[in-house]
Every structure is written in C-alpha cells, then in structure tokens.
C-alpha cells in the first residue's frame, strides 16, 4: 500500500472515530448505530466494518484512541519538574471538565458498565485505567521525595486513592450529582490547596 493510500486510510479511520465520539456523547453505547456513525462520518457503512469489525470494536477503538491522547497529555503535564505538584493538580482539575465536554468520560463510564458482563471490554478498560494509575504512582513517588514520608500511605496507595477520587468524580458529575451539599469540583480543588500548603512548608 502506498503512503498516499495509507494517509487516506488514516484519515478515514480518524473521521469515523470522531463521528463515533459525537454519536456516543449524544446517545450512549446503547443508542449508537454503525449506520448513524457512517452517515455522520460521510463514509460507506462497509468502511466501519473494514476498520473496526463491529459496533463493539468501534466503541473500544474510540476509547483507546481518546485514552491514548489523554495519557499523552497527562504524561506531558507531570513530566515538567519545574511545575509544582499543586499547579499540576489544578490543571488536572481543569482537564476533568475538558474530558466531560469531549465525551471521553461518557465513553469510559459506558464501557466500565459494559465490562461488568463482558471480559473483553473489561480488559480494555482496565488496561487504559492502569496506564493512568501507573503515571499517578510516579507523581506520588516524586511527592514522597519532595515532602518526605506520606505517613501510613505508600506511593501506590496515594495513586489508587487519587485515581478512585477522579473516576468517582467523573461518574458523579456525569450523573449531575454535584450540588451545594456535594461540592465535587470544590473538594478536588481543595486537595490542591492542601498540597500547596505542604509545598510552602506550613504543613
């Protein structure tokens, strides 16, 4: 296959993924049809089956594509040794809203639920989330080096708790659970304020 035709294949694949993301954001996994995605991407239905095999294959590909982009973004964020961890936390809180708006959280939660009864989907979701938790462990080890002992918590403990906090926040925000009595975004940002106190030496 020539480089020109390869580029054409890549463009078609990306167009389908973008269209599928939009349909998923509007209708969820249950409401997504490959025919609607093909129409939104302006490609023949056969192209979806050629590139992704099935509806499930398409949904998994959307998740893997978005997850890879987000992991690259997070890796770049935490790779800057000059940026305080509190500032990185603040950016991570900003990214939470970006990920809700992009439809990524909707896709993640739809696949998360589907994974309870489908081992293949469960494996894909676990692999994607594990990559993020591994990155958080690296950041927690950096915090341990900077601040000293994290008390009874290991770096992996901290990563597990932070991961659970953000995933739980995503699920709650998607369900519009946030309220004055359940200030999800505010609570997450106050963790950043607590980190800033540690950085200042006042903790």
N, C-alpha and C. Protein backbone atom coordinates (compact mmCIF):
# COMPACT_ATOMS: atom_id res chain seq x y z
N UNK A 1 0.86 -1.20 0.00
CA UNK A 1 0.00 0.00 0.00
C UNK A 1 0.89 1.24 0.00
N UNK A 2 0.59 2.21 -0.85
CA UNK A 2 1.42 3.41 -0.96
C UNK A 2 1.18 4.32 0.24
N UNK A 3 2.13 5.27 0.42
CA UNK A 3 2.00 6.20 1.54
C UNK A 3 0.76 7.08 1.38
N UNK A 4 0.39 7.40 0.13
CA UNK A 4 -0.79 8.22 -0.11
C UNK A 4 -2.04 7.47 0.33
N UNK A 5 -2.15 6.17 -0.05
CA UNK A 5 -3.33 5.40 0.32
C UNK A 5 -3.35 5.14 1.82
N UNK A 6 -2.17 5.02 2.45
CA UNK A 6 -2.11 4.86 3.89
C UNK A 6 -2.66 6.09 4.59
N UNK A 7 -2.29 7.27 4.09
CA UNK A 7 -2.79 8.51 4.68
C UNK A 7 -4.31 8.59 4.53
N UNK A 8 -4.82 8.12 3.39
CA UNK A 8 -6.26 8.12 3.15
C UNK A 8 -6.97 7.19 4.14
N UNK A 9 -6.37 6.02 4.38
CA UNK A 9 -6.92 5.08 5.35
C UNK A 9 -6.95 5.71 6.74
N UNK A 10 -5.83 6.37 7.11
CA UNK A 10 -5.75 7.02 8.42
C UNK A 10 -6.81 8.11 8.56
N UNK A 11 -7.00 8.90 7.51
CA UNK A 11 -7.99 9.97 7.55
C UNK A 11 -9.40 9.41 7.71
N UNK A 12 -9.67 8.34 7.00
CA UNK A 12 -10.99 7.70 7.10
C UNK A 12 -11.21 7.16 8.50
N UNK A 13 -10.20 6.51 9.04
CA UNK A 13 -10.31 5.94 10.39
C UNK A 13 -10.57 7.04 11.43
N UNK A 14 -9.82 8.13 11.33
CA UNK A 14 -9.98 9.23 12.29
C UNK A 14 -11.36 9.87 12.13
N UNK A 15 -11.82 10.02 10.90
CA UNK A 15 -13.15 10.60 10.67
C UNK A 15 -14.23 9.73 11.31
N UNK A 16 -14.08 8.43 11.21
CA UNK A 16 -15.05 7.51 11.81
C UNK A 16 -14.99 7.61 13.33
N UNK A 17 -13.79 7.65 13.88
CA UNK A 17 -13.65 7.75 15.34
C UNK A 17 -14.26 9.05 15.87
N UNK A 18 -14.01 10.15 15.17
CA UNK A 18 -14.58 11.44 15.59
C UNK A 18 -16.10 11.41 15.53
N UNK A 19 -16.64 10.82 14.47
CA UNK A 19 -18.09 10.74 14.34
C UNK A 19 -18.67 9.84 15.43
N UNK A 20 -18.02 8.73 15.69
CA UNK A 20 -18.50 7.81 16.73
C UNK A 20 -18.48 8.48 18.10
N UNK A 21 -17.46 9.28 18.36
CA UNK A 21 -17.37 10.00 19.63
C UNK A 21 -18.56 10.94 19.79
N UNK A 22 -18.92 11.64 18.73
CA UNK A 22 -20.06 12.56 18.78
C UNK A 22 -21.37 11.81 19.01
N UNK A 23 -21.55 10.70 18.32
CA UNK A 23 -22.78 9.92 18.48
C UNK A 23 -22.85 9.33 19.89
N UNK A 24 -21.72 8.85 20.39
CA UNK A 24 -21.69 8.30 21.75
C UNK A 24 -22.05 9.36 22.78
N UNK A 25 -21.53 10.55 22.59
CA UNK A 25 -21.79 11.64 23.55
C UNK A 25 -23.29 11.96 23.59
N UNK A 26 -23.95 11.85 22.45
CA UNK A 26 -25.37 12.19 22.37
C UNK A 26 -26.28 11.04 22.80
N UNK A 27 -25.89 9.79 22.47
CA UNK A 27 -26.83 8.67 22.61
C UNK A 27 -26.34 7.53 23.49
N UNK A 28 -25.05 7.54 23.86
CA UNK A 28 -24.53 6.44 24.65
C UNK A 28 -24.30 5.19 23.81
N UNK A 29 -23.74 4.16 24.44
CA UNK A 29 -23.43 2.91 23.73
C UNK A 29 -24.69 2.26 23.18
N UNK A 30 -25.74 2.23 24.01
CA UNK A 30 -26.97 1.54 23.60
C UNK A 30 -27.61 2.22 22.39
N UNK A 31 -27.49 3.54 22.29
CA UNK A 31 -28.13 4.27 21.20
C UNK A 31 -27.28 4.41 19.96
N UNK A 32 -26.03 3.98 20.04
CA UNK A 32 -25.14 4.13 18.88
C UNK A 32 -25.44 3.06 17.84
N UNK A 33 -25.53 3.48 16.59
CA UNK A 33 -25.62 2.51 15.49
C UNK A 33 -24.50 2.81 14.50
N UNK A 34 -23.95 1.76 13.93
CA UNK A 34 -22.85 1.95 12.97
C UNK A 34 -23.36 2.71 11.74
N UNK A 35 -24.63 2.54 11.41
CA UNK A 35 -25.19 3.27 10.27
C UNK A 35 -25.18 4.78 10.53
N UNK A 36 -25.56 5.18 11.74
CA UNK A 36 -25.55 6.61 12.09
C UNK A 36 -24.13 7.16 12.09
N UNK A 37 -23.19 6.36 12.57
CA UNK A 37 -21.79 6.80 12.59
C UNK A 37 -21.27 6.97 11.16
N UNK A 38 -21.59 6.02 10.30
CA UNK A 38 -21.17 6.11 8.90
C UNK A 38 -21.73 7.37 8.25
N UNK A 39 -23.00 7.66 8.55
CA UNK A 39 -23.62 8.86 7.99
C UNK A 39 -22.94 10.12 8.51
N UNK A 40 -22.65 10.15 9.82
CA UNK A 40 -22.00 11.32 10.42
C UNK A 40 -20.59 11.51 9.88
N UNK A 41 -19.91 10.41 9.58
CA UNK A 41 -18.53 10.48 9.06
C UNK A 41 -18.50 10.64 7.55
N UNK A 42 -19.67 10.53 6.91
CA UNK A 42 -19.79 10.62 5.46
C UNK A 42 -18.92 9.56 4.76
N UNK A 43 -19.06 8.33 5.26
CA UNK A 43 -18.35 7.20 4.65
C UNK A 43 -19.34 6.06 4.47
N UNK A 44 -19.06 5.12 3.58
CA UNK A 44 -19.93 3.96 3.44
C UNK A 44 -19.90 3.11 4.72
N UNK A 45 -21.02 2.46 5.02
CA UNK A 45 -21.11 1.61 6.20
C UNK A 45 -20.03 0.53 6.18
N UNK A 46 -19.69 0.06 5.01
CA UNK A 46 -18.68 -1.00 4.89
C UNK A 46 -17.33 -0.58 5.45
N UNK A 47 -17.05 0.73 5.45
CA UNK A 47 -15.77 1.22 5.97
C UNK A 47 -15.66 1.01 7.48
N UNK A 48 -16.77 1.10 8.18
CA UNK A 48 -16.75 0.86 9.62
C UNK A 48 -16.42 -0.59 9.89
N UNK A 49 -17.05 -1.49 9.15
CA UNK A 49 -16.77 -2.93 9.35
C UNK A 49 -15.34 -3.27 8.91
N UNK A 50 -14.86 -2.57 7.90
CA UNK A 50 -13.48 -2.81 7.43
C UNK A 50 -12.47 -2.39 8.50
N UNK A 51 -12.67 -1.23 9.09
CA UNK A 51 -11.70 -0.69 10.05
C UNK A 51 -11.86 -1.27 11.46
N UNK A 52 -13.11 -1.55 11.86
CA UNK A 52 -13.34 -1.87 13.28
C UNK A 52 -14.06 -3.20 13.52
N UNK A 53 -14.60 -3.78 12.48
CA UNK A 53 -15.18 -5.11 12.60
C UNK A 53 -16.62 -5.15 13.08
N UNK A 54 -16.93 -4.37 14.09
CA UNK A 54 -18.26 -4.42 14.70
C UNK A 54 -18.52 -3.15 15.49
N UNK A 55 -19.73 -3.01 15.97
CA UNK A 55 -20.07 -1.89 16.84
C UNK A 55 -19.20 -1.90 18.09
N UNK A 56 -19.04 -3.07 18.71
CA UNK A 56 -18.21 -3.15 19.91
C UNK A 56 -16.77 -2.76 19.60
N UNK A 57 -16.25 -3.25 18.46
CA UNK A 57 -14.88 -2.90 18.07
C UNK A 57 -14.71 -1.41 17.86
N UNK A 58 -15.74 -0.77 17.33
CA UNK A 58 -15.70 0.67 17.11
C UNK A 58 -15.68 1.42 18.44
N UNK A 59 -16.55 1.02 19.36
CA UNK A 59 -16.62 1.70 20.66
C UNK A 59 -15.31 1.54 21.43
N UNK A 60 -14.75 0.34 21.39
CA UNK A 60 -13.46 0.11 22.06
C UNK A 60 -12.37 0.97 21.43
N UNK A 61 -12.39 1.07 20.10
CA UNK A 61 -11.38 1.88 19.40
C UNK A 61 -11.50 3.36 19.78
N UNK A 62 -12.74 3.85 19.94
CA UNK A 62 -12.94 5.24 20.37
C UNK A 62 -12.31 5.45 21.74
N UNK A 63 -12.57 4.53 22.65
CA UNK A 63 -12.00 4.64 23.99
C UNK A 63 -10.47 4.61 23.94
N UNK A 64 -9.91 3.65 23.23
CA UNK A 64 -8.44 3.52 23.18
C UNK A 64 -7.81 4.75 22.54
N UNK A 65 -8.44 5.29 21.51
CA UNK A 65 -7.92 6.49 20.84
C UNK A 65 -7.92 7.68 21.78
N UNK A 66 -9.05 7.91 22.46
CA UNK A 66 -9.13 9.04 23.39
C UNK A 66 -8.21 8.82 24.59
N UNK A 67 -8.18 7.60 25.10
CA UNK A 67 -7.37 7.33 26.28
C UNK A 67 -5.89 7.56 25.99
N UNK A 68 -5.43 7.16 24.81
CA UNK A 68 -4.03 7.37 24.44
C UNK A 68 -3.72 8.87 24.38
N UNK A 69 -4.64 9.66 23.82
CA UNK A 69 -4.43 11.10 23.76
C UNK A 69 -4.36 11.72 25.15
N UNK A 70 -5.25 11.27 26.02
CA UNK A 70 -5.31 11.82 27.38
C UNK A 70 -4.08 11.40 28.19
N UNK A 71 -3.63 10.18 27.99
CA UNK A 71 -2.45 9.72 28.72
C UNK A 71 -1.21 10.49 28.27
N UNK A 72 -1.12 10.78 26.97
CA UNK A 72 -0.02 11.62 26.47
C UNK A 72 -0.09 13.01 27.11
N UNK A 73 -1.29 13.55 27.22
CA UNK A 73 -1.47 14.87 27.82
C UNK A 73 -1.04 14.87 29.29
N UNK A 74 -1.47 13.85 30.04
CA UNK A 74 -1.11 13.76 31.45
C UNK A 74 0.38 13.52 31.64
N UNK A 75 0.96 12.71 30.78
CA UNK A 75 2.40 12.44 30.86
C UNK A 75 3.19 13.72 30.66
N UNK A 76 2.77 14.53 29.66
CA UNK A 76 3.44 15.81 29.41
C UNK A 76 3.27 16.74 30.60
N UNK A 77 2.09 16.73 31.20
CA UNK A 77 1.82 17.59 32.36
C UNK A 77 2.76 17.27 33.51
N UNK A 78 2.88 15.98 33.86
CA UNK A 78 3.66 15.60 35.03
C UNK A 78 5.15 15.47 34.75
N UNK A 79 5.53 15.59 33.48
CA UNK A 79 6.95 15.47 33.13
C UNK A 79 7.73 16.76 33.41
N UNK A 80 7.03 17.85 33.67
CA UNK A 80 7.69 19.14 33.90
C UNK A 80 8.13 19.24 35.37
N UNK A 81 9.45 19.08 35.63
CA UNK A 81 9.91 19.09 37.02
C UNK A 81 9.89 20.47 37.66
N UNK A 82 9.72 21.52 36.85
CA UNK A 82 9.70 22.88 37.39
C UNK A 82 8.31 23.30 37.87
N UNK A 83 7.29 22.55 37.47
CA UNK A 83 5.93 22.91 37.86
C UNK A 83 5.58 22.27 39.20
N UNK A 84 5.18 23.05 40.19
CA UNK A 84 4.81 22.47 41.48
C UNK A 84 3.67 21.46 41.33
N UNK A 85 3.67 20.46 42.20
CA UNK A 85 2.63 19.44 42.13
C UNK A 85 1.25 20.07 42.33
N UNK A 86 1.17 21.11 43.16
CA UNK A 86 -0.12 21.78 43.37
C UNK A 86 -0.65 22.40 42.08
N UNK A 87 0.25 22.96 41.26
CA UNK A 87 -0.16 23.54 39.99
C UNK A 87 -0.58 22.45 39.01
N UNK A 88 0.12 21.32 39.05
CA UNK A 88 -0.25 20.19 38.21
C UNK A 88 -1.63 19.64 38.61
N UNK A 89 -1.88 19.61 39.91
CA UNK A 89 -3.19 19.17 40.39
C UNK A 89 -4.29 20.10 39.88
N UNK A 90 -4.03 21.40 39.92
CA UNK A 90 -5.01 22.39 39.45
C UNK A 90 -5.32 22.17 37.97
N UNK A 91 -4.29 21.91 37.19
CA UNK A 91 -4.51 21.64 35.76
C UNK A 91 -5.30 20.35 35.57
N UNK A 92 -5.00 19.34 36.39
CA UNK A 92 -5.74 18.07 36.29
C UNK A 92 -7.22 18.31 36.57
N UNK A 93 -7.53 19.20 37.50
CA UNK A 93 -8.93 19.55 37.78
C UNK A 93 -9.57 20.25 36.58
N UNK A 94 -8.79 21.10 35.91
CA UNK A 94 -9.30 21.75 34.70
C UNK A 94 -9.58 20.71 33.61
N UNK A 95 -8.67 19.74 33.49
CA UNK A 95 -8.82 18.70 32.48
C UNK A 95 -10.08 17.87 32.71
N UNK A 96 -10.49 17.75 33.96
CA UNK A 96 -11.70 16.98 34.27
C UNK A 96 -12.89 17.54 33.49
N UNK A 97 -13.04 18.84 33.48
CA UNK A 97 -14.14 19.45 32.73
C UNK A 97 -13.96 19.28 31.22
N UNK A 98 -12.72 19.37 30.76
CA UNK A 98 -12.45 19.14 29.34
C UNK A 98 -12.87 17.73 28.93
N UNK A 99 -12.57 16.76 29.79
CA UNK A 99 -12.87 15.37 29.47
C UNK A 99 -14.37 15.08 29.50
N UNK A 100 -15.08 15.78 30.36
CA UNK A 100 -16.54 15.67 30.36
C UNK A 100 -17.10 16.24 29.06
N UNK A 101 -16.60 17.41 28.65
CA UNK A 101 -17.10 18.07 27.45
C UNK A 101 -16.77 17.29 26.18
N UNK A 102 -15.63 16.62 26.17
CA UNK A 102 -15.19 15.89 24.97
C UNK A 102 -15.97 14.59 24.74
N UNK A 103 -16.65 14.12 25.78
CA UNK A 103 -17.35 12.84 25.66
C UNK A 103 -16.55 11.67 26.16
N UNK A 104 -15.26 11.90 26.51
CA UNK A 104 -14.43 10.79 26.97
C UNK A 104 -15.01 10.12 28.21
N UNK A 105 -15.47 10.92 29.17
CA UNK A 105 -15.99 10.35 30.41
C UNK A 105 -17.22 9.50 30.14
N UNK A 106 -18.07 9.96 29.24
CA UNK A 106 -19.27 9.18 28.88
C UNK A 106 -18.86 7.83 28.31
N UNK A 107 -17.90 7.83 27.40
CA UNK A 107 -17.44 6.57 26.80
C UNK A 107 -16.83 5.67 27.86
N UNK A 108 -15.99 6.24 28.72
CA UNK A 108 -15.36 5.45 29.78
C UNK A 108 -16.40 4.79 30.67
N UNK A 109 -17.38 5.56 31.11
CA UNK A 109 -18.39 5.02 32.02
C UNK A 109 -19.28 3.99 31.34
N UNK A 110 -19.60 4.22 30.07
CA UNK A 110 -20.40 3.24 29.33
C UNK A 110 -19.63 1.92 29.21
N UNK A 111 -18.34 2.00 28.89
CA UNK A 111 -17.54 0.78 28.76
C UNK A 111 -17.29 0.14 30.12
N UNK A 112 -17.13 0.96 31.13
CA UNK A 112 -16.93 0.45 32.50
C UNK A 112 -18.11 -0.45 32.88
N UNK A 113 -19.32 0.04 32.65
CA UNK A 113 -20.52 -0.74 32.98
C UNK A 113 -20.62 -1.99 32.10
N UNK A 114 -20.31 -1.83 30.82
CA UNK A 114 -20.37 -2.99 29.91
C UNK A 114 -19.34 -4.05 30.30
N UNK A 115 -18.22 -3.59 30.87
CA UNK A 115 -17.16 -4.52 31.27
C UNK A 115 -17.54 -5.45 32.41
N UNK A 116 -18.59 -5.12 33.15
CA UNK A 116 -19.02 -6.00 34.24
C UNK A 116 -19.50 -7.35 33.71
N UNK A 117 -20.00 -7.35 32.48
CA UNK A 117 -20.50 -8.61 31.91
C UNK A 117 -19.74 -9.06 30.68
N UNK A 118 -18.78 -8.25 30.24
CA UNK A 118 -18.01 -8.59 29.03
C UNK A 118 -16.51 -8.54 29.37
N UNK A 119 -15.86 -9.70 29.55
CA UNK A 119 -14.44 -9.72 29.93
C UNK A 119 -13.53 -9.00 28.93
N UNK A 120 -13.89 -9.04 27.64
CA UNK A 120 -13.05 -8.37 26.64
C UNK A 120 -13.05 -6.87 26.84
N UNK A 121 -14.21 -6.29 27.08
CA UNK A 121 -14.30 -4.85 27.33
C UNK A 121 -13.65 -4.51 28.66
N UNK A 122 -13.86 -5.37 29.67
CA UNK A 122 -13.26 -5.13 30.98
C UNK A 122 -11.74 -5.04 30.86
N UNK A 123 -11.16 -5.89 30.06
CA UNK A 123 -9.70 -5.91 29.90
C UNK A 123 -9.21 -4.60 29.27
N UNK A 124 -9.94 -4.11 28.27
CA UNK A 124 -9.57 -2.87 27.59
C UNK A 124 -9.63 -1.69 28.57
N UNK A 125 -10.70 -1.63 29.35
CA UNK A 125 -10.86 -0.53 30.31
C UNK A 125 -9.78 -0.60 31.39
N UNK A 126 -9.54 -1.81 31.91
CA UNK A 126 -8.52 -1.96 32.95
C UNK A 126 -7.13 -1.57 32.44
N UNK A 127 -6.83 -1.95 31.21
CA UNK A 127 -5.52 -1.58 30.64
C UNK A 127 -5.40 -0.06 30.53
N UNK A 128 -6.49 0.60 30.07
CA UNK A 128 -6.45 2.04 29.92
C UNK A 128 -6.31 2.76 31.24
N UNK A 129 -7.08 2.34 32.23
CA UNK A 129 -7.04 3.00 33.54
C UNK A 129 -5.72 2.70 34.25
N UNK A 130 -5.20 1.49 34.08
CA UNK A 130 -3.94 1.12 34.72
C UNK A 130 -2.79 2.01 34.25
N UNK A 131 -2.79 2.37 32.97
CA UNK A 131 -1.74 3.27 32.46
C UNK A 131 -1.75 4.60 33.19
N UNK A 132 -2.94 5.10 33.49
CA UNK A 132 -3.08 6.37 34.21
C UNK A 132 -2.67 6.21 35.67
N UNK A 133 -3.07 5.12 36.31
CA UNK A 133 -2.71 4.89 37.71
C UNK A 133 -1.19 4.75 37.85
N UNK A 134 -0.56 4.09 36.89
CA UNK A 134 0.91 3.96 36.91
C UNK A 134 1.57 5.33 36.88
N UNK A 135 1.02 6.23 36.06
CA UNK A 135 1.55 7.59 35.99
C UNK A 135 1.38 8.31 37.32
N UNK A 136 0.22 8.14 37.95
CA UNK A 136 -0.02 8.76 39.26
C UNK A 136 0.94 8.23 40.31
N UNK A 137 1.30 6.96 40.22
CA UNK A 137 2.27 6.39 41.16
C UNK A 137 3.61 7.09 41.04
N UNK A 138 3.99 7.41 39.81
CA UNK A 138 5.25 8.12 39.58
C UNK A 138 5.21 9.51 40.24
N UNK A 139 4.08 10.19 40.10
CA UNK A 139 3.93 11.52 40.70
C UNK A 139 3.94 11.41 42.23
N UNK A 140 3.30 10.38 42.77
CA UNK A 140 3.26 10.20 44.22
C UNK A 140 4.67 9.92 44.77
N UNK A 141 5.47 9.19 44.01
CA UNK A 141 6.86 8.95 44.45
C UNK A 141 7.66 10.25 44.44
N UNK A 142 7.36 11.11 43.46
CA UNK A 142 8.00 12.42 43.43
C UNK A 142 7.60 13.23 44.67
N UNK A 143 6.32 13.16 45.04
CA UNK A 143 5.84 13.88 46.24
C UNK A 143 6.52 13.33 47.49
N UNK A 144 6.72 12.04 47.53
CA UNK A 144 7.38 11.41 48.68
C UNK A 144 8.81 11.91 48.82
N UNK A 145 9.48 12.04 47.67
CA UNK A 145 10.85 12.56 47.67
C UNK A 145 10.87 14.02 48.13
N UNK A 146 9.88 14.78 47.69
CA UNK A 146 9.84 16.21 48.00
C UNK A 146 9.41 16.50 49.43
N UNK A 147 8.39 15.80 49.90
CA UNK A 147 7.79 16.12 51.20
C UNK A 147 8.23 15.19 52.33
N UNK A 148 8.89 14.09 51.98
CA UNK A 148 9.23 13.10 52.99
C UNK A 148 8.12 12.07 53.12
N UNK A 149 8.06 11.41 54.24
CA UNK A 149 7.10 10.33 54.46
C UNK A 149 5.67 10.78 54.19
N UNK A 150 4.91 9.90 53.56
CA UNK A 150 3.49 10.14 53.33
C UNK A 150 2.65 9.47 54.42
N UNK A 151 3.28 9.31 55.58
CA UNK A 151 2.58 8.68 56.71
C UNK A 151 2.39 7.20 56.45
N UNK A 152 1.21 6.67 56.71
CA UNK A 152 0.99 5.24 56.51
C UNK A 152 0.80 4.86 55.05
N UNK A 153 0.78 5.87 54.14
CA UNK A 153 0.47 5.61 52.75
C UNK A 153 1.73 5.38 51.92
N UNK A 154 1.69 4.39 51.06
CA UNK A 154 2.74 4.23 50.06
C UNK A 154 2.37 5.06 48.85
N UNK A 155 3.33 5.21 47.92
CA UNK A 155 3.04 5.95 46.69
C UNK A 155 1.91 5.28 45.92
N UNK A 156 1.90 3.95 45.91
CA UNK A 156 0.84 3.23 45.21
C UNK A 156 -0.52 3.42 45.89
N UNK A 157 -0.52 3.51 47.22
CA UNK A 157 -1.77 3.81 47.93
C UNK A 157 -2.34 5.15 47.47
N UNK A 158 -1.46 6.16 47.44
CA UNK A 158 -1.88 7.50 47.04
C UNK A 158 -2.43 7.49 45.62
N UNK A 159 -1.72 6.80 44.72
CA UNK A 159 -2.17 6.73 43.32
C UNK A 159 -3.54 6.08 43.22
N UNK A 160 -3.75 5.01 43.98
CA UNK A 160 -5.05 4.32 43.96
C UNK A 160 -6.16 5.24 44.46
N UNK A 161 -5.89 5.98 45.53
CA UNK A 161 -6.90 6.88 46.09
C UNK A 161 -7.20 8.06 45.16
N UNK A 162 -6.15 8.63 44.57
CA UNK A 162 -6.36 9.76 43.64
C UNK A 162 -7.13 9.28 42.41
N UNK A 163 -6.74 8.12 41.88
CA UNK A 163 -7.44 7.57 40.73
C UNK A 163 -8.91 7.34 41.03
N UNK A 164 -9.18 6.75 42.20
CA UNK A 164 -10.57 6.49 42.58
C UNK A 164 -11.34 7.80 42.77
N UNK A 165 -10.67 8.82 43.33
CA UNK A 165 -11.34 10.11 43.55
C UNK A 165 -11.75 10.75 42.22
N UNK A 166 -10.85 10.74 41.25
CA UNK A 166 -11.17 11.37 39.97
C UNK A 166 -12.19 10.55 39.18
N UNK A 167 -12.06 9.23 39.18
CA UNK A 167 -13.03 8.41 38.47
C UNK A 167 -14.41 8.54 39.11
N UNK A 168 -14.43 8.55 40.45
CA UNK A 168 -15.70 8.75 41.14
C UNK A 168 -16.29 10.12 40.85
N UNK A 169 -15.43 11.13 40.80
CA UNK A 169 -15.90 12.48 40.47
C UNK A 169 -16.48 12.52 39.06
N UNK A 170 -15.81 11.87 38.12
CA UNK A 170 -16.31 11.84 36.74
C UNK A 170 -17.70 11.21 36.67
N UNK A 171 -17.84 10.07 37.36
CA UNK A 171 -19.14 9.38 37.35
C UNK A 171 -20.22 10.26 37.98
N UNK A 172 -19.90 10.90 39.10
CA UNK A 172 -20.89 11.73 39.80
C UNK A 172 -21.26 12.95 38.97
N UNK A 173 -20.28 13.58 38.34
CA UNK A 173 -20.56 14.76 37.52
C UNK A 173 -21.37 14.40 36.29
N UNK A 174 -21.08 13.24 35.71
CA UNK A 174 -21.84 12.79 34.55
C UNK A 174 -23.31 12.57 34.92
N UNK A 175 -23.53 12.16 36.15
CA UNK A 175 -24.88 11.92 36.65
C UNK A 175 -25.52 13.20 37.20
N UNK A 176 -24.78 14.32 37.12
CA UNK A 176 -25.23 15.62 37.64
C UNK A 176 -25.56 15.53 39.13
N UNK A 177 -24.68 14.86 39.86
CA UNK A 177 -24.88 14.68 41.30
C UNK A 177 -24.35 15.87 42.11
N UNK A 178 -23.50 16.69 41.47
CA UNK A 178 -22.89 17.80 42.20
C UNK A 178 -23.95 18.79 42.67
N UNK A 179 -23.79 19.26 43.91
CA UNK A 179 -24.71 20.24 44.48
C UNK A 179 -23.97 20.99 45.58
N UNK A 180 -24.67 21.90 46.24
CA UNK A 180 -24.06 22.64 47.34
C UNK A 180 -23.62 21.69 48.46
N UNK A 181 -24.40 20.63 48.66
CA UNK A 181 -24.06 19.66 49.70
C UNK A 181 -23.05 18.62 49.24
N UNK A 182 -22.88 18.50 47.92
CA UNK A 182 -21.90 17.55 47.36
C UNK A 182 -21.01 18.33 46.41
N UNK A 183 -20.09 19.16 46.95
CA UNK A 183 -19.28 20.06 46.12
C UNK A 183 -18.07 19.35 45.50
N UNK A 184 -18.30 18.56 44.48
CA UNK A 184 -17.28 17.67 43.94
C UNK A 184 -16.06 18.44 43.42
N UNK A 185 -16.28 19.39 42.53
CA UNK A 185 -15.16 20.14 41.96
C UNK A 185 -14.42 20.92 43.06
N UNK A 186 -15.17 21.54 43.94
CA UNK A 186 -14.55 22.31 45.02
C UNK A 186 -13.69 21.43 45.91
N UNK A 187 -14.19 20.25 46.23
CA UNK A 187 -13.44 19.33 47.09
C UNK A 187 -12.13 18.90 46.43
N UNK A 188 -12.19 18.60 45.14
CA UNK A 188 -10.97 18.21 44.44
C UNK A 188 -9.96 19.36 44.42
N UNK A 189 -10.42 20.57 44.18
CA UNK A 189 -9.50 21.71 44.13
C UNK A 189 -8.90 22.00 45.51
N UNK A 190 -9.64 21.71 46.57
CA UNK A 190 -9.10 21.94 47.89
C UNK A 190 -7.98 20.96 48.23
N UNK A 191 -7.97 19.81 47.59
CA UNK A 191 -6.82 18.91 47.75
C UNK A 191 -5.58 19.61 47.20
N UNK A 192 -5.73 20.29 46.07
CA UNK A 192 -4.62 21.07 45.52
C UNK A 192 -4.15 22.15 46.47
N UNK A 193 -5.11 22.78 47.16
CA UNK A 193 -4.75 23.80 48.15
C UNK A 193 -3.96 23.18 49.30
N UNK A 194 -4.33 21.97 49.70
CA UNK A 194 -3.61 21.28 50.77
C UNK A 194 -2.19 20.94 50.32
N UNK A 195 -2.03 20.53 49.07
CA UNK A 195 -0.69 20.25 48.54
C UNK A 195 0.15 21.52 48.54
N UNK A 196 -0.48 22.62 48.21
CA UNK A 196 0.25 23.91 48.19
C UNK A 196 0.76 24.27 49.58
N UNK A 197 -0.01 23.95 50.62
CA UNK A 197 0.43 24.20 52.00
C UNK A 197 1.66 23.36 52.30
N UNK A 198 1.66 22.10 51.87
CA UNK A 198 2.84 21.24 52.07
C UNK A 198 4.05 21.81 51.34
N UNK A 199 3.84 22.31 50.14
CA UNK A 199 4.95 22.86 49.36
C UNK A 199 5.53 24.10 50.02
N UNK A 200 4.70 24.85 50.71
CA UNK A 200 5.16 26.08 51.36
C UNK A 200 5.89 25.80 52.68
N UNK A 201 5.80 24.54 53.15
CA UNK A 201 6.44 24.19 54.42
C UNK A 201 5.60 24.48 55.62
N UNK A 202 4.35 24.89 55.41
CA UNK A 202 3.48 25.21 56.53
C UNK A 202 2.69 24.00 57.02
N UNK A 203 2.79 22.86 56.23
CA UNK A 203 2.01 21.69 56.60
C UNK A 203 2.65 20.90 57.73
